């Protein structure tokens, strides 16, 4: 159904990197979620009234909460699709992450309330009445929620949406919760053993766990996460395809929401190259990055000596020796300034975040390495971090 509706209502639906297309998919899935969850709430409440099962009625209110989650997802997509303005020059894309976080918090709230109700019913148990109508309703509910989970996962993957994935996980939780309720209803009837409240408690624990996992998934992009290795490889392939680029470093990918990415990096170029030609090359690289990766790109030129044998030799020695401190250490922006009494050896050392040694300790160790090459070499070291 979602595929059919998307063909009817969404133009250029294949261009999933477009903010307009992403917003359209989010709106469509949000409206479908609201309608289906309200229908499921109504039929589950009927099943709960017929059977008197607290787990079924709790599951029904879970669907009502899901309808609210779909409303939040819908609002989130609509707001994230707004154009940049004076107060938000990078757009409103991160609202989608916020809406996913709210949905995750609602999942946790439902799990908590279900657990609380189940504990009360364990202390004061009530009989459960078997009804074939209730069984049919629960089976239909499981199929409906399985369909919702399927299309939310598929669309979430297609448009790279954390909010959609959180909604899909919520639908999958409902399948499991309703399935457990159905099993308990059958056990209570055929084995004359009431485990309704215990089933509700187990389901609440599962919902709480999945809610916490969804919180992490939606919180990570808000806090800032490194880009994927595939995305880094795409950037490197484009930049290194230009012959004038000797190396790149200080690559940072800023995520302002899905399809709203800004890239900044330093490109090493020969100091002997023509300045205007090099600048033109950098402009062309920025343009290709923007068009190919659907992003904004800013590149800083770092001129380096490529024809100086002494500089090249010392650079190679330092680059090799710093790996004795830690194999993950690398250097860049290497240059030498010769004076009458000493030579300044200037470069950056890239230190991984998980390295236990302090920056001062690393700087001191690298200075000793440079001194070991020549006593007249004075180190000017900048400690750098890798953001990819």
Protein backbone atom coordinates (compact mmCIF):
# COMPACT_ATOMS: atom_id res chain seq x y z
CA UNK A 1 0.00 0.00 0.00
CA UNK A 2 2.81 2.42 0.93
CA UNK A 3 4.53 1.75 -2.41
CA UNK A 4 1.30 2.42 -4.29
CA UNK A 5 0.55 5.62 -2.36
CA UNK A 6 4.12 6.86 -2.80
CA UNK A 7 3.84 6.39 -6.57
CA UNK A 8 0.63 8.45 -6.56
CA UNK A 9 1.56 11.28 -4.16
CA UNK A 10 5.39 11.60 -4.18
CA UNK A 11 7.13 13.09 -7.18
CA UNK A 12 10.72 12.09 -7.98
CA UNK A 13 10.50 9.52 -5.20
CA UNK A 14 13.73 7.85 -6.35
CA UNK A 15 15.71 10.94 -5.25
CA UNK A 16 15.75 9.98 -1.55
CA UNK A 17 18.55 12.44 -0.79
CA UNK A 18 16.19 15.34 -1.54
CA UNK A 19 14.78 16.98 1.64
CA UNK A 20 11.40 17.38 -0.11
CA UNK A 21 11.20 13.68 -0.99
CA UNK A 22 12.29 12.63 2.51
CA UNK A 23 9.66 14.90 4.04
CA UNK A 24 7.00 13.45 1.73
CA UNK A 25 7.86 9.88 2.72
CA UNK A 26 7.85 10.84 6.40
CA UNK A 27 4.48 12.55 6.05
CA UNK A 28 2.97 9.57 4.23
CA UNK A 29 4.23 7.05 6.78
CA UNK A 30 3.12 9.31 9.64
CA UNK A 31 -0.45 9.59 8.34
CA UNK A 32 -0.63 5.83 7.73
CA UNK A 33 0.69 5.20 11.25
CA UNK A 34 -1.95 7.44 12.84
CA UNK A 35 -4.82 5.76 10.97
CA UNK A 36 -3.67 2.16 11.55
CA UNK A 37 -2.83 2.69 15.23
CA UNK A 38 -6.20 4.27 16.00
CA UNK A 39 -7.95 1.35 14.28
CA UNK A 40 -5.83 -1.14 16.27
CA UNK A 41 -6.56 0.71 19.50
CA UNK A 42 -10.28 0.41 18.92
CA UNK A 43 -10.33 -3.31 18.09
CA UNK A 44 -7.90 -4.20 20.91
CA UNK A 45 -10.00 -2.34 23.46
CA UNK A 46 -12.95 -4.42 22.26
CA UNK A 47 -10.89 -7.59 22.72
CA UNK A 48 -9.78 -6.45 26.17
CA UNK A 49 -13.36 -5.71 27.27
CA UNK A 50 -14.55 -9.09 25.98
CA UNK A 51 -11.80 -11.05 27.74
CA UNK A 52 -11.12 -8.86 30.76
CA UNK A 53 -7.35 -9.28 30.13
CA UNK A 54 -5.28 -6.40 31.49
CA UNK A 55 -2.47 -7.25 29.08
CA UNK A 56 -4.77 -6.77 26.07
CA UNK A 57 -6.08 -3.43 27.32
CA UNK A 58 -2.54 -2.29 28.10
CA UNK A 59 -1.54 -3.31 24.59
CA UNK A 60 -4.46 -1.29 23.24
CA UNK A 61 -3.29 1.86 25.02
CA UNK A 62 0.18 1.11 23.67
CA UNK A 63 -1.31 1.47 20.18
CA UNK A 64 -2.93 4.77 21.18
CA UNK A 65 0.51 5.96 22.28
CA UNK A 66 1.87 4.79 18.93
CA UNK A 67 -0.67 7.00 17.20
CA UNK A 68 0.74 9.89 19.22
CA UNK A 69 4.25 8.82 18.18
CA UNK A 70 3.18 8.90 14.54
CA UNK A 71 1.86 12.44 15.06
CA UNK A 72 5.25 13.45 16.50
CA UNK A 73 7.09 11.80 13.60
CA UNK A 74 4.80 13.58 11.13
CA UNK A 75 5.38 16.97 12.78
CA UNK A 76 9.12 16.27 12.95
CA UNK A 77 9.37 15.60 9.22
CA UNK A 78 7.29 18.64 8.35
CA UNK A 79 9.42 20.92 10.55
CA UNK A 80 12.75 19.42 9.44
CA UNK A 81 11.82 20.18 5.83
CA UNK A 82 11.71 23.93 6.47
CA UNK A 83 14.26 26.07 4.67
CA UNK A 84 17.22 27.63 6.56
CA UNK A 85 16.53 31.00 8.16
CA UNK A 86 18.44 33.70 10.02
CA UNK A 87 18.24 31.87 13.35
CA UNK A 88 18.97 28.43 11.85
CA UNK A 89 21.34 28.96 8.90
CA UNK A 90 22.06 25.23 8.61
CA UNK A 91 18.38 24.29 8.32
CA UNK A 92 16.09 22.35 10.64
CA UNK A 93 17.12 18.80 9.77
CA UNK A 94 18.04 17.81 13.32
CA UNK A 95 14.39 18.19 14.36
CA UNK A 96 13.96 14.75 12.80
CA UNK A 97 16.41 13.35 15.34
CA UNK A 98 14.57 15.16 18.14
CA UNK A 99 11.24 13.66 17.04
CA UNK A 100 12.86 10.21 17.01
CA UNK A 101 14.12 10.84 20.55
CA UNK A 102 10.61 11.81 21.72
CA UNK A 103 9.20 8.62 20.18
CA UNK A 104 11.89 6.63 22.02
CA UNK A 105 10.95 8.30 25.30
CA UNK A 106 7.30 7.41 24.70
CA UNK A 107 8.33 3.79 24.16
CA UNK A 108 10.07 3.83 27.56
CA UNK A 109 7.01 5.45 29.18
CA UNK A 110 4.72 2.74 27.78
CA UNK A 111 7.07 0.02 29.02
CA UNK A 112 7.17 1.57 32.49
CA UNK A 113 3.39 1.93 32.75
CA UNK A 114 2.82 -1.60 31.47
CA UNK A 115 5.29 -2.95 34.02
CA UNK A 116 3.59 -1.01 36.82
CA UNK A 117 0.13 -2.33 35.85
CA UNK A 118 1.44 -5.88 35.56
CA UNK A 119 2.96 -5.76 39.05
CA UNK A 120 -0.37 -4.59 40.43
CA UNK A 121 -2.14 -7.53 38.76
CA UNK A 122 0.45 -9.98 40.11
CA UNK A 123 -0.37 -8.76 43.64
CA UNK A 124 -4.14 -8.77 43.01
CA UNK A 125 -4.82 -11.22 40.13
CA UNK A 126 -8.09 -11.14 38.18
CA UNK A 127 -9.60 -13.93 36.03
CA UNK A 128 -9.27 -13.78 32.23
CA UNK A 129 -12.22 -14.73 30.02
CA UNK A 130 -11.43 -16.55 26.77
CA UNK A 131 -13.04 -15.19 23.61
CA UNK A 132 -12.50 -16.42 20.05
CA UNK A 133 -13.26 -12.87 18.85
CA UNK A 134 -10.40 -11.58 21.02
CA UNK A 135 -8.04 -14.18 19.54
CA UNK A 136 -8.95 -13.17 15.97
CA UNK A 137 -8.50 -9.49 16.83
CA UNK A 138 -5.06 -10.12 18.32
CA UNK A 139 -3.94 -12.12 15.27
CA UNK A 140 -5.09 -9.32 12.96
CA UNK A 141 -3.28 -6.81 15.18
CA UNK A 142 -0.03 -8.78 14.92
CA UNK A 143 -0.29 -8.87 11.12
CA UNK A 144 -1.09 -5.16 10.98
CA UNK A 145 1.84 -4.21 13.19
CA UNK A 146 4.18 -6.52 11.25
CA UNK A 147 3.20 -4.66 8.09
CA UNK A 148 3.85 -1.30 9.78
CA UNK A 149 7.25 -2.44 11.05
CA UNK A 150 8.15 -3.70 7.57
CA UNK A 151 7.35 -0.49 5.71
CA UNK A 152 8.84 1.76 8.41
CA UNK A 153 12.11 -0.20 8.39
CA UNK A 154 12.18 -0.16 4.59
CA UNK A 155 11.44 3.55 4.25
CA UNK A 156 13.74 4.37 7.20
CA UNK A 157 16.61 2.59 5.47
CA UNK A 158 15.75 4.14 2.11
CA UNK A 159 15.85 7.74 3.41
CA UNK A 160 18.38 7.13 6.25
CA UNK A 161 15.95 8.25 8.96
CA UNK A 162 16.59 7.53 12.65
CA UNK A 163 13.03 8.65 13.47
CA UNK A 164 11.55 6.14 11.02
CA UNK A 165 13.74 3.36 12.39
CA UNK A 166 12.61 4.20 15.94
CA UNK A 167 8.97 4.02 14.77
CA UNK A 168 9.67 0.70 13.04
CA UNK A 169 11.26 -0.68 16.20
CA UNK A 170 8.18 0.40 18.15
CA UNK A 171 5.94 -1.48 15.69
CA UNK A 172 8.13 -4.57 15.99
CA UNK A 173 7.87 -4.32 19.78
CA UNK A 174 4.09 -4.29 19.43
CA UNK A 175 4.20 -7.48 17.34
CA UNK A 176 6.16 -9.24 20.05
CA UNK A 177 4.04 -7.79 22.87
CA UNK A 178 0.75 -8.72 21.20
CA UNK A 179 2.10 -12.16 20.32
CA UNK A 180 2.99 -12.74 23.96
CA UNK A 181 -0.48 -11.55 25.04
CA UNK A 182 -2.08 -13.99 22.58
CA UNK A 183 0.03 -16.90 23.85
CA UNK A 184 -0.87 -16.08 27.45
CA UNK A 185 -4.56 -15.90 26.58
CA UNK A 186 -4.39 -19.37 25.00
CA UNK A 187 -2.39 -20.81 27.91
CA UNK A 188 -4.83 -19.36 30.42
CA UNK A 189 -7.75 -20.97 28.59
CA UNK A 190 -6.38 -24.40 27.69
CA UNK A 191 -4.14 -25.01 30.75
CA UNK A 192 -6.27 -23.09 33.24
CA UNK A 193 -3.17 -21.22 34.39
CA UNK A 194 -3.38 -17.41 34.57
CA UNK A 195 -0.04 -15.87 33.54
CA UNK A 196 -1.55 -12.68 32.12
CA UNK A 197 0.19 -10.32 34.56
CA UNK A 198 3.57 -12.12 34.30
CA UNK A 199 3.34 -11.91 30.53
CA UNK A 200 2.67 -8.17 30.80
CA UNK A 201 5.74 -7.78 33.03
CA UNK A 202 7.98 -9.63 30.54
CA UNK A 203 6.65 -7.55 27.66
CA UNK A 204 7.26 -4.33 29.61
CA UNK A 205 10.90 -5.31 30.18
CA UNK A 206 11.35 -5.93 26.45
CA UNK A 207 9.75 -2.59 25.57
CA UNK A 208 11.96 -0.74 28.07
CA UNK A 209 15.09 -2.34 26.60
CA UNK A 210 14.17 -1.48 23.01
CA UNK A 211 13.21 2.06 24.08
CA UNK A 212 16.64 2.63 25.64
CA UNK A 213 18.28 1.28 22.50
CA UNK A 214 16.23 3.68 20.36
CA UNK A 215 17.22 6.58 22.65
CA UNK A 216 20.89 5.82 21.98
CA UNK A 217 20.30 5.59 18.23
CA UNK A 218 18.60 8.99 18.10
CA UNK A 219 20.89 10.68 20.65
CA UNK A 220 24.12 9.78 18.84
CA UNK A 221 23.56 12.02 15.78
CA UNK A 222 22.48 14.87 18.06
CA UNK A 223 25.73 14.59 20.03
CA UNK A 224 27.79 14.06 16.88
CA UNK A 225 29.10 10.84 15.36
CA UNK A 226 31.85 10.18 12.81
CA UNK A 227 30.84 9.61 9.19
CA UNK A 228 30.73 6.12 7.74
CA UNK A 229 33.87 4.59 6.22
CA UNK A 230 32.06 4.42 2.89
CA UNK A 231 31.38 8.18 2.95
CA UNK A 232 35.03 8.94 3.84
CA UNK A 233 36.18 6.72 0.97
CA UNK A 234 33.91 8.59 -1.46
CA UNK A 235 35.42 11.92 -0.33
CA UNK A 236 38.98 10.64 -0.67
CA UNK A 237 38.35 9.17 -4.13
CA UNK A 238 37.02 12.50 -5.41
CA UNK A 239 39.78 14.63 -3.87
CA UNK A 240 42.67 12.34 -4.86
CA UNK A 241 41.37 12.11 -8.43
CA UNK A 242 42.96 15.55 -8.98
CA UNK A 243 46.70 15.29 -9.71
CA UNK A 244 47.67 18.45 -7.84
CA UNK A 245 46.56 17.08 -4.44
CA UNK A 246 49.46 15.58 -2.48
CA UNK A 247 47.46 14.64 0.62
CA UNK A 248 44.44 15.49 2.74
CA UNK A 249 43.92 15.86 6.48
CA UNK A 250 41.71 17.56 9.09
CA UNK A 251 38.64 16.09 7.41
CA UNK A 252 35.48 16.98 9.35
CA UNK A 253 31.93 16.04 8.38
CA UNK A 254 29.25 18.17 10.03
CA UNK A 255 25.81 16.55 10.20
CA UNK A 256 22.92 19.02 10.42
CA UNK A 257 20.31 16.38 9.70
CA UNK A 258 19.71 13.86 6.91
CA UNK A 259 20.69 15.23 3.48
CA UNK A 260 22.17 18.32 5.21
CA UNK A 261 25.92 17.70 5.42
CA UNK A 262 28.88 20.05 5.44
CA UNK A 263 32.42 18.85 4.69
CA UNK A 264 35.62 20.68 5.54
CA UNK A 265 39.16 19.45 4.89
CA UNK A 266 42.74 20.54 4.26
CA UNK A 267 44.32 19.64 0.93
CA UNK A 268 48.12 19.57 0.65
CA UNK A 269 49.40 21.10 -2.59
CA UNK A 270 52.86 21.86 -3.89
CA UNK A 271 54.19 25.25 -2.85
CA UNK A 272 55.83 25.53 -6.30
CA UNK A 273 52.52 25.23 -8.19
CA UNK A 274 50.83 28.22 -9.78
CA UNK A 275 48.56 29.79 -7.13
CA UNK A 276 45.69 30.65 -9.48
CA UNK A 277 45.70 27.20 -11.10
CA UNK A 278 45.73 25.51 -7.70
CA UNK A 279 42.89 27.71 -6.47
CA UNK A 280 40.88 26.83 -9.57
CA UNK A 281 41.51 23.12 -8.91
CA UNK A 282 40.30 23.47 -5.30
CA UNK A 283 37.13 25.20 -6.55
CA UNK A 284 36.50 22.30 -8.93
CA UNK A 285 36.98 19.74 -6.13
CA UNK A 286 34.51 21.60 -3.90
CA UNK A 287 31.99 21.72 -6.74
CA UNK A 288 32.32 17.98 -7.48
CA UNK A 289 31.97 17.08 -3.79
CA UNK A 290 28.80 19.18 -3.53
CA UNK A 291 27.22 17.71 -6.67
CA UNK A 292 28.22 14.09 -6.05
CA UNK A 293 27.62 13.84 -2.30
CA UNK A 294 24.78 16.39 -1.99
CA UNK A 295 26.65 18.48 0.59
CA UNK A 296 28.43 21.78 1.15
CA UNK A 297 32.23 21.55 0.96
CA UNK A 298 35.00 23.90 2.11
CA UNK A 299 38.66 23.11 1.38
CA UNK A 300 41.69 24.84 2.87
CA UNK A 301 44.92 24.76 0.84
CA UNK A 302 48.11 23.75 2.65
CA UNK A 303 51.24 24.45 0.55
CA UNK A 304 54.03 21.94 1.18
CA UNK A 305 57.55 21.53 -0.19
CA UNK A 306 57.53 18.61 -2.60
CA UNK A 307 60.88 19.19 -4.35
CA UNK A 308 63.08 19.76 -1.28
CA UNK A 309 65.06 16.53 -0.70
CA UNK A 310 65.98 17.42 2.91
CA UNK A 311 62.36 18.21 3.88
CA UNK A 312 61.10 15.04 2.23
CA UNK A 313 63.76 12.94 3.94
CA UNK A 314 63.14 14.38 7.43
CA UNK A 315 59.37 14.12 6.96
CA UNK A 316 59.67 10.42 6.11
CA UNK A 317 61.91 9.78 9.13
CA UNK A 318 59.60 11.59 11.56
CA UNK A 319 56.51 9.86 10.13
CA UNK A 320 58.16 6.48 10.60
CA UNK A 321 59.56 7.16 14.09
CA UNK A 322 56.30 8.50 15.61
CA UNK A 323 54.72 5.09 15.02
CA UNK A 324 57.17 3.74 17.62
CA UNK A 325 55.22 5.78 20.20
CA UNK A 326 51.92 4.38 18.90
CA UNK A 327 51.18 2.79 15.49
CA UNK A 328 48.05 4.95 15.15
CA UNK A 329 49.98 8.26 15.22
CA UNK A 330 50.32 10.16 11.94
CA UNK A 331 51.72 13.55 10.93
CA UNK A 332 50.82 16.19 8.36
CA UNK A 333 51.47 19.87 7.48
CA UNK A 334 55.22 19.19 7.66
CA UNK A 335 57.61 22.04 6.88
CA UNK A 336 61.08 23.22 7.91
CA UNK A 337 62.27 26.78 8.52
CA UNK A 338 66.05 27.05 8.55
CA UNK A 339 67.83 29.71 10.65
CA UNK A 340 71.46 30.60 11.43
CA UNK A 341 71.55 28.59 14.70
CA UNK A 342 68.75 26.04 14.43
CA UNK A 343 65.95 24.72 12.23
CA UNK A 344 62.31 24.77 13.22
CA UNK A 345 60.56 21.54 12.29
CA UNK A 346 56.84 22.36 12.17
CA UNK A 347 54.09 19.76 11.85
CA UNK A 348 50.83 18.39 13.28
CA UNK A 349 50.53 15.05 15.06
CA UNK A 350 47.15 13.33 14.78
CA UNK A 351 46.31 11.57 18.08
CA UNK A 352 43.44 9.05 18.32
CA UNK A 353 40.82 9.75 21.01
CA UNK A 354 41.34 6.35 22.64
CA UNK A 355 45.09 6.82 23.19
CA UNK A 356 45.79 6.70 26.94
CA UNK A 357 48.79 9.03 26.98
CA UNK A 358 48.25 12.75 27.48
CA UNK A 359 48.93 15.31 24.74
CA UNK A 360 51.91 16.70 26.70
CA UNK A 361 53.44 13.23 27.00
CA UNK A 362 53.05 12.63 23.27
CA UNK A 363 54.48 16.05 22.43
CA UNK A 364 57.51 15.41 24.67
CA UNK A 365 58.12 11.99 23.10
CA UNK A 366 57.90 13.38 19.56
CA UNK A 367 60.30 16.21 20.42
CA UNK A 368 62.88 13.63 21.54
CA UNK A 369 62.42 11.78 18.26
CA UNK A 370 63.06 14.96 16.24
CA UNK A 371 66.14 15.73 18.38
CA UNK A 372 67.46 12.24 17.72
CA UNK A 373 67.56 13.05 13.98
CA UNK A 374 69.56 16.26 14.48
CA UNK A 375 70.36 18.24 17.64
CA UNK A 376 69.78 21.49 15.75
CA UNK A 377 66.15 20.62 15.04
CA UNK A 378 63.59 22.38 17.25
CA UNK A 379 60.08 20.96 17.19
CA UNK A 380 56.97 23.11 16.79
CA UNK A 381 54.21 20.54 17.26
CA UNK A 382 50.46 20.92 17.14
CA UNK A 383 48.44 18.04 18.60
CA UNK A 384 45.51 17.30 16.30
CA UNK A 385 42.49 14.98 16.61
CA UNK A 386 40.87 12.83 13.95
CA UNK A 387 37.13 13.45 13.54
CA UNK A 388 36.54 10.63 11.05
